[in-house]
Amino acid sequence: MNQETCLVATLPSTPRGARAARALTVTQLAEHRLPFEDAAQVVAELAANAVTHGRVPGRNFRLALRITDGPTLRIEVSDTRREFTPSAVPAGPEAESGRGLVLVAAFAARWGIDHGPVPLKTVWAEMDLGSPISPDRGFHDPVGRSPVMHDA
């Protein structure tokens, strides 16, 4: 299977780093003329988890985007807090957090967690991009502005 690494970035384990991960995803997928709205949401959730639960002072997290035949987008977010293993158990109705991986599971065709090498933990998600939900879904920035302009 052909695999193209679209992006590998090391980002600070801060809210700004999580926002940058989402913005980089939108830019990279738009440049490849691929739908990015759902992928941006998955990256936002995984990066927020890495920053909130996987943060180790002085260490960064890594975002990797890979496109394979299909096309399939593989998103990987790695942090150095191996002992925290997230789960997609739905939060209670009154909870203010705890729904991130439930959203990831809803958007992704597959997702999982890989451990190693020590101390790394990688949460990954794969999205099938060849069959979007609707023809117009995912080709506009969800905040209302396009990050990259392309000539038709």
C-alpha atoms as a PDB file:
ATOM      1  CA  MET A   1       0.000   0.000   0.000  1.00  0.00           C
ATOM      2  CA  ASN A   2       1.328   3.398  -0.950  1.00  0.00           C
ATOM      3  CA  GLN A   3       1.683   5.773   1.959  1.00  0.00           C
ATOM      4  CA  GLU A   4       2.457   9.455   1.815  1.00  0.00           C
ATOM      5  CA  THR A   5       3.510  11.317   4.915  1.00  0.00           C
ATOM      6  CA  CYS A   6       1.591  14.524   4.677  1.00  0.00           C
ATOM      7  CA  LEU A   7       2.861  16.102   7.879  1.00  0.00           C
ATOM      8  CA  VAL A   8       4.904  15.347  10.980  1.00  0.00           C
ATOM      9  CA  ALA A   9       5.097  18.165  13.509  1.00  0.00           C
ATOM     10  CA  THR A  10       6.353  18.453  17.064  1.00  0.00           C
ATOM     11  CA  LEU A  11       4.240  20.917  19.016  1.00  0.00           C
ATOM     12  CA  PRO A  12       4.300  22.328  22.541  1.00  0.00           C
ATOM     13  CA  SER A  13       2.021  20.605  25.068  1.00  0.00           C
ATOM     14  CA  THR A  14      -0.044  23.757  25.523  1.00  0.00           C
ATOM     15  CA  PRO A  15      -3.471  24.909  24.341  1.00  0.00           C
ATOM     16  CA  ARG A  16      -1.667  26.928  21.656  1.00  0.00           C
ATOM     17  CA  GLY A  17       0.054  23.730  20.457  1.00  0.00           C
ATOM     18  CA  ALA A  18      -3.320  21.952  20.255  1.00  0.00           C
ATOM     19  CA  ARG A  19      -4.785  24.821  18.200  1.00  0.00           C
ATOM     20  CA  ALA A  20      -1.727  24.739  15.932  1.00  0.00           C
ATOM     21  CA  ALA A  21      -2.236  20.992  15.343  1.00  0.00           C
ATOM     22  CA  ARG A  22      -5.781  21.637  14.133  1.00  0.00           C
ATOM     23  CA  ALA A  23      -4.706  24.545  11.917  1.00  0.00           C
ATOM     24  CA  LEU A  24      -1.854  22.511  10.392  1.00  0.00           C
ATOM     25  CA  THR A  25      -4.285  19.688   9.626  1.00  0.00           C
ATOM     26  CA  VAL A  26      -6.715  22.016   7.851  1.00  0.00           C
ATOM     27  CA  THR A  27      -3.902  23.569   5.805  1.00  0.00           C
ATOM     28  CA  GLN A  28      -2.292  20.258   4.820  1.00  0.00           C
ATOM     29  CA  LEU A  29      -5.521  18.544   3.794  1.00  0.00           C
ATOM     30  CA  ALA A  30      -6.734  21.616   1.908  1.00  0.00           C
ATOM     31  CA  GLU A  31      -3.422  21.665   0.002  1.00  0.00           C
ATOM     32  CA  HIS A  32      -4.030  18.014  -0.943  1.00  0.00           C
ATOM     33  CA  ARG A  33      -7.608  18.932  -1.947  1.00  0.00           C
ATOM     34  CA  LEU A  34      -9.024  16.518   0.625  1.00  0.00           C
ATOM     35  CA  PRO A  35     -11.962  17.101   2.964  1.00  0.00           C
ATOM     36  CA  PHE A  36     -10.690  18.388   6.282  1.00  0.00           C
ATOM     37  CA  GLU A  37     -13.600  19.347   8.522  1.00  0.00           C
ATOM     38  CA  ASP A  38     -14.016  15.976  10.268  1.00  0.00           C
ATOM     39  CA  ALA A  39     -10.251  15.383  10.400  1.00  0.00           C
ATOM     40  CA  ALA A  40      -9.756  18.792  12.026  1.00  0.00           C
ATOM     41  CA  GLN A  41     -12.259  17.799  14.722  1.00  0.00           C
ATOM     42  CA  VAL A  42     -10.466  14.483  15.352  1.00  0.00           C
ATOM     43  CA  VAL A  43      -7.079  16.227  15.567  1.00  0.00           C
ATOM     44  CA  ALA A  44      -8.528  18.860  17.910  1.00  0.00           C
ATOM     45  CA  GLU A  45      -9.819  16.144  20.260  1.00  0.00           C
ATOM     46  CA  LEU A  46      -6.630  14.050  20.190  1.00  0.00           C
ATOM     47  CA  ALA A  47      -4.382  17.094  20.605  1.00  0.00           C
ATOM     48  CA  ALA A  48      -6.524  18.388  23.480  1.00  0.00           C
ATOM     49  CA  ASN A  49      -6.162  14.996  25.187  1.00  0.00           C
ATOM     50  CA  ALA A  50      -2.382  15.042  24.657  1.00  0.00           C
ATOM     51  CA  VAL A  51      -2.145  18.548  26.114  1.00  0.00           C
ATOM     52  CA  THR A  52      -4.556  17.961  28.997  1.00  0.00           C
ATOM     53  CA  HIS A  53      -3.892  14.371  30.039  1.00  0.00           C
ATOM     54  CA  GLY A  54      -0.627  13.435  28.328  1.00  0.00           C
ATOM     55  CA  ARG A  55       1.379  16.494  29.252  1.00  0.00           C
ATOM     56  CA  VAL A  56       4.736  16.063  30.906  1.00  0.00           C
ATOM     57  CA  PRO A  57       6.434  19.389  31.755  1.00  0.00           C
ATOM     58  CA  GLY A  58       9.163  20.194  29.258  1.00  0.00           C
ATOM     59  CA  ARG A  59       7.992  17.616  26.700  1.00  0.00           C
ATOM     60  CA  ASN A  60       6.107  18.174  23.466  1.00  0.00           C
ATOM     61  CA  PHE A  61       3.560  16.105  21.584  1.00  0.00           C
ATOM     62  CA  ARG A  62       3.788  14.921  17.986  1.00  0.00           C
ATOM     63  CA  LEU A  63       1.185  15.084  15.244  1.00  0.00           C
ATOM     64  CA  ALA A  64       1.555  12.878  12.162  1.00  0.00           C
ATOM     65  CA  LEU A  65      -0.783  12.790   9.174  1.00  0.00           C
ATOM     66  CA  ARG A  66      -0.444  10.045   6.580  1.00  0.00           C
ATOM     67  CA  ILE A  67      -2.511   9.453   3.471  1.00  0.00           C
ATOM     68  CA  THR A  68      -2.795   5.919   2.084  1.00  0.00           C
ATOM     69  CA  ASP A  69      -4.623   4.410  -0.880  1.00  0.00           C
ATOM     70  CA  GLY A  70      -8.353   4.630  -0.609  1.00  0.00           C
ATOM     71  CA  PRO A  71      -7.752   7.456   0.258  1.00  0.00           C
ATOM     72  CA  THR A  72      -7.436   6.898   3.980  1.00  0.00           C
ATOM     73  CA  LEU A  73      -6.107   9.506   6.365  1.00  0.00           C
ATOM     74  CA  ARG A  74      -4.213   8.183   9.384  1.00  0.00           C
ATOM     75  CA  ILE A  75      -3.906  10.690  12.204  1.00  0.00           C
ATOM     76  CA  GLU A  76      -1.419   9.983  14.999  1.00  0.00           C
ATOM     77  CA  VAL A  77      -0.949  12.059  18.138  1.00  0.00           C
ATOM     78  CA  SER A  78       1.895  10.922  20.400  1.00  0.00           C
ATOM     79  CA  ASP A  79       2.735  12.076  23.903  1.00  0.00           C
ATOM     80  CA  THR A  80       5.102  10.891  26.630  1.00  0.00           C
ATOM     81  CA  ARG A  81       2.589  10.023  29.331  1.00  0.00           C
ATOM     82  CA  ARG A  82       2.225   6.356  28.626  1.00  0.00           C
ATOM     83  CA  GLU A  83       0.484   5.591  31.921  1.00  0.00           C
ATOM     84  CA  PHE A  84      -2.598   7.612  30.939  1.00  0.00           C
ATOM     85  CA  THR A  85      -4.633   5.466  28.557  1.00  0.00           C
ATOM     86  CA  PRO A  86      -7.768   7.210  27.342  1.00  0.00           C
ATOM     87  CA  SER A  87     -11.031   5.383  26.734  1.00  0.00           C
ATOM     88  CA  ALA A  88     -14.169   6.054  24.732  1.00  0.00           C
ATOM     89  CA  VAL A  89     -16.537   5.415  27.618  1.00  0.00           C
ATOM     90  CA  PRO A  90     -19.258   8.072  27.361  1.00  0.00           C
ATOM     91  CA  ALA A  91     -19.282  10.674  30.118  1.00  0.00           C
ATOM     92  CA  GLY A  92     -22.365  11.160  32.231  1.00  0.00           C
ATOM     93  CA  PRO A  93     -24.926  13.764  31.160  1.00  0.00           C
ATOM     94  CA  GLU A  94     -23.726  16.257  33.776  1.00  0.00           C
ATOM     95  CA  ALA A  95     -19.996  15.846  33.026  1.00  0.00           C
ATOM     96  CA  GLU A  96     -18.187  18.874  31.590  1.00  0.00           C
ATOM     97  CA  SER A  97     -15.598  16.754  29.777  1.00  0.00           C
ATOM     98  CA  GLY A  98     -14.906  13.171  28.765  1.00  0.00           C
ATOM     99  CA  ARG A  99     -16.534  13.038  25.352  1.00  0.00           C
ATOM    100  CA  GLY A 100     -13.474  13.522  23.145  1.00  0.00           C
ATOM    101  CA  LEU A 101     -12.838   9.905  22.201  1.00  0.00           C
ATOM    102  CA  VAL A 102     -16.547   9.297  21.727  1.00  0.00           C
ATOM    103  CA  LEU A 103     -16.384  12.010  19.051  1.00  0.00           C
ATOM    104  CA  VAL A 104     -13.227  10.481  17.575  1.00  0.00           C
ATOM    105  CA  ALA A 105     -14.970   7.097  17.378  1.00  0.00           C
ATOM    106  CA  ALA A 106     -17.946   8.747  15.646  1.00  0.00           C
ATOM    107  CA  PHE A 107     -15.811  10.443  12.971  1.00  0.00           C
ATOM    108  CA  ALA A 108     -13.168   7.743  12.423  1.00  0.00           C
ATOM    109  CA  ALA A 109     -13.559   4.399  10.702  1.00  0.00           C
ATOM    110  CA  ARG A 110     -11.017   2.921  13.144  1.00  0.00           C
ATOM    111  CA  TRP A 111      -9.001   4.182  16.095  1.00  0.00           C
ATOM    112  CA  GLY A 112      -6.694   2.787  18.728  1.00  0.00           C
ATOM    113  CA  ILE A 113      -3.728   3.242  21.028  1.00  0.00           C
ATOM    114  CA  ASP A 114      -0.165   2.043  20.506  1.00  0.00           C
ATOM    115  CA  HIS A 115       2.477   2.003  23.241  1.00  0.00           C
ATOM    116  CA  GLY A 116       6.181   2.332  22.646  1.00  0.00           C
ATOM    117  CA  PRO A 117       8.937   2.870  22.539  1.00  0.00           C
ATOM    118  CA  VAL A 118       8.943   3.909  26.191  1.00  0.00           C
ATOM    119  CA  PRO A 119       7.703   6.471  27.206  1.00  0.00           C
ATOM    120  CA  LEU A 120       5.577   7.089  24.083  1.00  0.00           C
ATOM    121  CA  LYS A 121       1.868   6.524  23.690  1.00  0.00           C
ATOM    122  CA  THR A 122       0.247   7.147  20.305  1.00  0.00           C
ATOM    123  CA  VAL A 123      -3.480   7.550  19.853  1.00  0.00           C
ATOM    124  CA  TRP A 124      -4.380   7.074  16.203  1.00  0.00           C
ATOM    125  CA  ALA A 125      -7.482   7.343  14.074  1.00  0.00           C
ATOM    126  CA  GLU A 126      -8.113   6.375  10.458  1.00  0.00           C
ATOM    127  CA  MET A 127     -10.663   8.152   8.318  1.00  0.00           C
ATOM    128  CA  ASP A 128     -11.862   6.962   4.933  1.00  0.00           C
ATOM    129  CA  LEU A 129     -11.815  10.063   2.761  1.00  0.00           C
ATOM    130  CA  GLY A 130     -13.067   8.469  -0.459  1.00  0.00           C
ATOM    131  CA  SER A 131     -16.713   8.479   0.560  1.00  0.00           C
ATOM    132  CA  PRO A 132     -17.672  11.778   2.185  1.00  0.00           C
ATOM    133  CA  ILE A 133     -21.082  12.069   3.811  1.00  0.00           C
ATOM    134  CA  SER A 134     -22.117  14.769   1.348  1.00  0.00           C
ATOM    135  CA  PRO A 135     -20.353  16.401  -1.626  1.00  0.00           C
ATOM    136  CA  ASP A 136     -19.934  19.738   0.149  1.00  0.00           C
ATOM    137  CA  ARG A 137     -18.986  18.433   3.597  1.00  0.00           C
ATOM    138  CA  GLY A 138     -15.470  19.170   4.690  1.00  0.00           C
ATOM    139  CA  PHE A 139     -14.294  21.625   2.073  1.00  0.00           C
ATOM    140  CA  HIS A 140     -14.940  24.790   4.064  1.00  0.00           C
ATOM    141  CA  ASP A 141     -13.314  25.950   7.252  1.00  0.00           C
ATOM    142  CA  PRO A 142     -15.712  25.283  10.130  1.00  0.00           C
ATOM    143  CA  VAL A 143     -15.010  28.747  11.530  1.00  0.00           C
ATOM    144  CA  GLY A 144     -16.039  30.378   8.263  1.00  0.00           C
ATOM    145  CA  ARG A 145     -12.786  31.277   6.594  1.00  0.00           C
ATOM    146  CA  SER A 146     -10.639  29.330   4.207  1.00  0.00           C
ATOM    147  CA  PRO A 147      -7.029  28.945   5.419  1.00  0.00           C
ATOM    148  CA  VAL A 148      -5.648  28.299   1.938  1.00  0.00           C
ATOM    149  CA  MET A 149      -6.855  29.771  -1.335  1.00  0.00           C
ATOM    150  CA  HIS A 150      -6.648  27.590  -4.463  1.00  0.00           C
ATOM    151  CA  ASP A 151      -7.273  28.400  -8.087  1.00  0.00           C
ATOM    152  CA  ALA A 152      -9.875  26.157  -9.666  1.00  0.00           C
END
